[in-house]
Amino acid sequence: MATQRATLIGVSEGESGKLAALVGRRSFLAMLFSTVGAAFAAICALPFARYISYPLYAAGSHGRWVDAGPVSDFTSTEPVRKLINIEHLDGWQQTVSQQAVYVTRDAGGSFVALSSVCPHLGCSVAWQPNSKTFVCPCHGGCFAPNGSRISGPPPRGMSALATKIDGGRLSILSPSA
């Protein structure tokens, strides 16, 4: 059969062995380069795929419980301003910032923590004891002691944060970064 193929393509019988070896070597090299190229492409694609899918698996998207202090610190009838530490995870960089929260009690006596960030443009809201309201200095938004909107441009009331009492200490679920 090898002699038939050799005579069909115009190659003598002596050269047919060389032709078979050459075709085998070519297919081996083509297969080798294809395999190496595919492996290289996979190695390059893995970091790119992790970069693209990072937001899906980011751990920093959820808040965590932060200790606000002993329950005895919050006996006042007016909102108490407390600074909590918030950890931000951005890629591989972790930063810690402080944010003010106001702790008060609702009609049932349960603790309510209100974010001091105005829902309008993100300015810091301050408690005004004379008028017994929270006031945003940026655009004059006013909020009731329970955080509900009274007047001004904010579209809604202040954000309430989850609270829990553990061992006589108040913990607040920090806002996600």
Protein backbone atom coordinates (compact mmCIF):
# COMPACT_ATOMS: atom_id res chain seq x y z
CA MET A 1 0.00 0.00 0.00
CA ALA A 2 2.89 2.34 0.76
CA THR A 3 4.24 1.73 -2.73
CA GLN A 4 0.85 2.48 -4.23
CA ARG A 5 0.67 5.82 -2.38
CA ALA A 6 4.24 6.63 -3.30
CA THR A 7 3.67 6.00 -6.98
CA LEU A 8 0.40 7.91 -6.94
CA ILE A 9 2.01 11.11 -5.70
CA GLY A 10 5.12 10.70 -7.81
CA VAL A 11 7.62 9.54 -5.19
CA SER A 12 9.90 6.57 -5.63
CA GLU A 13 9.80 3.60 -3.29
CA GLY A 14 13.00 4.56 -1.50
CA GLU A 15 11.71 7.99 -0.65
CA SER A 16 8.33 6.76 0.62
CA GLY A 17 9.78 5.85 4.04
CA LYS A 18 11.18 9.35 4.37
CA LEU A 19 7.81 10.80 3.38
CA ALA A 20 6.02 8.72 6.03
CA ALA A 21 8.52 9.86 8.67
CA LEU A 22 8.16 13.48 7.53
CA VAL A 23 4.34 13.37 7.71
CA GLY A 24 4.54 11.76 11.18
CA ARG A 25 7.01 14.40 12.38
CA ARG A 26 4.85 17.23 10.99
CA SER A 27 1.70 15.97 12.66
CA PHE A 28 3.62 15.46 15.93
CA LEU A 29 5.01 19.02 15.84
CA ALA A 30 1.60 20.44 14.93
CA MET A 31 0.02 18.56 17.84
CA LEU A 32 2.81 19.69 20.18
CA PHE A 33 2.49 23.37 19.22
CA SER A 34 -1.30 23.18 19.47
CA THR A 35 -1.09 21.69 22.96
CA VAL A 36 1.48 24.24 24.15
CA GLY A 37 -0.55 27.09 22.64
CA ALA A 38 -3.76 25.88 24.30
CA ALA A 39 -2.00 25.54 27.67
CA PHE A 40 -0.55 29.05 27.33
CA ALA A 41 -3.98 30.47 26.40
CA ALA A 42 -5.56 28.77 29.43
CA ILE A 43 -2.85 30.13 31.75
CA CYS A 44 -3.43 33.65 30.41
CA ALA A 45 -7.23 33.32 30.55
CA LEU A 46 -7.44 32.27 34.22
CA PRO A 47 -6.36 35.64 35.73
CA PHE A 48 -8.60 37.47 33.27
CA ALA A 49 -11.59 35.29 34.23
CA ARG A 50 -10.93 35.92 37.95
CA TYR A 51 -10.66 39.66 37.29
CA ILE A 52 -13.98 39.72 35.44
CA SER A 53 -15.82 37.56 38.02
CA TYR A 54 -14.37 39.26 41.14
CA PRO A 55 -17.51 41.29 41.99
CA LEU A 56 -19.53 38.07 42.08
CA TYR A 57 -17.33 36.58 44.79
CA ALA A 58 -16.22 39.70 46.68
CA ALA A 59 -16.42 39.21 50.44
CA GLY A 60 -16.54 42.92 51.20
CA SER A 61 -20.04 43.40 49.94
CA HIS A 62 -21.72 42.59 53.24
CA GLY A 63 -21.53 44.50 56.50
CA ARG A 64 -20.29 43.06 59.77
CA TRP A 65 -21.29 43.47 63.39
CA VAL A 66 -19.50 46.30 65.19
CA ASP A 67 -19.48 46.81 68.95
CA ALA A 68 -21.09 50.16 69.87
CA GLY A 69 -20.54 49.91 73.61
CA PRO A 70 -22.41 48.87 76.73
CA VAL A 71 -26.19 49.19 76.76
CA SER A 72 -25.88 51.54 79.75
CA ASP A 73 -24.38 54.20 77.43
CA PHE A 74 -27.75 54.55 75.66
CA THR A 75 -30.17 55.43 78.47
CA SER A 76 -30.85 58.97 77.22
CA THR A 77 -34.20 59.77 75.64
CA GLU A 78 -32.42 61.69 72.87
CA PRO A 79 -30.35 60.04 70.13
CA VAL A 80 -26.76 59.30 71.15
CA ARG A 81 -24.01 59.84 68.56
CA LYS A 82 -21.53 56.97 68.34
CA LEU A 83 -18.56 56.45 66.01
CA ILE A 84 -18.19 52.98 64.54
CA ASN A 85 -15.33 51.58 62.48
CA ILE A 86 -16.23 50.36 59.01
CA GLU A 87 -13.86 48.14 57.06
CA HIS A 88 -13.76 48.63 53.30
CA LEU A 89 -12.30 45.92 51.09
CA ASP A 90 -11.35 47.16 47.62
CA GLY A 91 -9.56 44.47 45.70
CA TRP A 92 -6.60 43.63 47.91
CA GLN A 93 -6.61 46.91 49.81
CA GLN A 94 -8.38 47.04 53.15
CA THR A 95 -9.10 50.40 54.76
CA VAL A 96 -10.86 51.30 57.99
CA SER A 97 -12.95 54.45 58.29
CA GLN A 98 -15.18 55.84 60.99
CA GLN A 99 -18.82 56.72 60.53
CA ALA A 100 -21.18 58.33 62.99
CA VAL A 101 -24.42 56.57 63.86
CA TYR A 102 -27.20 57.72 66.15
CA VAL A 103 -28.62 55.22 68.62
CA THR A 104 -32.11 55.82 69.98
CA ARG A 105 -35.05 53.76 71.16
CA ASP A 106 -38.32 53.20 69.35
CA ALA A 107 -41.80 53.33 70.93
CA GLY A 108 -41.44 49.71 72.08
CA GLY A 109 -38.12 50.41 73.83
CA SER A 110 -35.97 48.51 71.30
CA PHE A 111 -32.71 50.02 70.13
CA VAL A 112 -32.63 51.68 66.71
CA ALA A 113 -29.38 52.72 65.05
CA LEU A 114 -29.64 55.39 62.34
CA SER A 115 -26.95 56.10 59.78
CA SER A 116 -25.78 59.70 59.84
CA VAL A 117 -25.46 59.72 56.05
CA CYS A 118 -28.21 61.77 54.39
CA PRO A 119 -30.07 59.72 51.75
CA HIS A 120 -30.15 62.77 49.44
CA LEU A 121 -26.49 63.43 48.62
CA GLY A 122 -24.53 61.68 51.38
CA CYS A 123 -23.82 64.64 53.68
CA SER A 124 -23.49 64.06 57.44
CA VAL A 125 -26.74 64.62 59.29
CA ALA A 126 -26.50 66.18 62.77
CA TRP A 127 -28.88 65.99 65.73
CA GLN A 128 -30.24 69.39 66.80
CA PRO A 129 -31.35 69.12 70.46
CA ASN A 130 -33.15 72.49 70.43
CA SER A 131 -35.54 71.54 67.61
CA LYS A 132 -35.37 67.79 68.40
CA THR A 133 -34.71 66.95 64.74
CA PHE A 134 -31.89 65.70 62.58
CA VAL A 135 -30.84 68.37 60.06
CA CYS A 136 -28.75 67.95 56.94
CA PRO A 137 -26.51 71.02 56.50
CA CYS A 138 -26.18 70.61 52.71
CA HIS A 139 -29.76 71.19 51.57
CA GLY A 140 -31.78 71.57 54.76
CA GLY A 141 -33.35 68.13 54.93
CA CYS A 142 -35.09 67.51 58.27
CA PHE A 143 -35.71 64.16 59.94
CA ALA A 144 -37.71 63.15 63.01
CA PRO A 145 -35.97 61.51 66.01
CA ASN A 146 -36.97 58.10 64.64
CA GLY A 147 -35.28 58.92 61.28
CA SER A 148 -38.41 59.49 59.20
CA ARG A 149 -38.35 62.35 56.69
CA ILE A 150 -40.02 65.59 57.76
CA SER A 151 -39.09 68.02 54.99
CA GLY A 152 -36.49 68.93 52.40
CA PRO A 153 -35.12 67.27 49.29
CA PRO A 154 -34.20 63.82 50.71
CA PRO A 155 -36.38 61.18 49.01
CA ARG A 156 -36.79 59.03 52.15
CA GLY A 157 -35.95 58.80 55.82
CA MET A 158 -32.57 58.02 57.36
CA SER A 159 -31.29 54.46 56.93
CA ALA A 160 -31.87 52.21 59.94
CA LEU A 161 -29.10 49.75 60.76
CA ALA A 162 -29.71 46.37 62.39
CA THR A 163 -28.88 46.09 66.09
CA LYS A 164 -28.46 43.26 68.56
CA ILE A 165 -27.58 42.98 72.23
CA ASP A 166 -24.97 40.41 73.16
CA GLY A 167 -23.71 40.13 76.73
CA GLY A 168 -24.94 43.58 77.74
CA ARG A 169 -23.27 45.26 74.77
CA LEU A 170 -24.97 46.80 71.76
CA SER A 171 -23.76 45.69 68.33
CA ILE A 172 -24.61 47.44 65.07
CA LEU A 173 -24.48 45.91 61.62
CA SER A 174 -22.17 48.25 59.74
CA PRO A 175 -23.33 49.45 56.34
CA SER A 176 -21.78 47.61 53.41
CA ALA A 177 -19.01 49.46 51.65
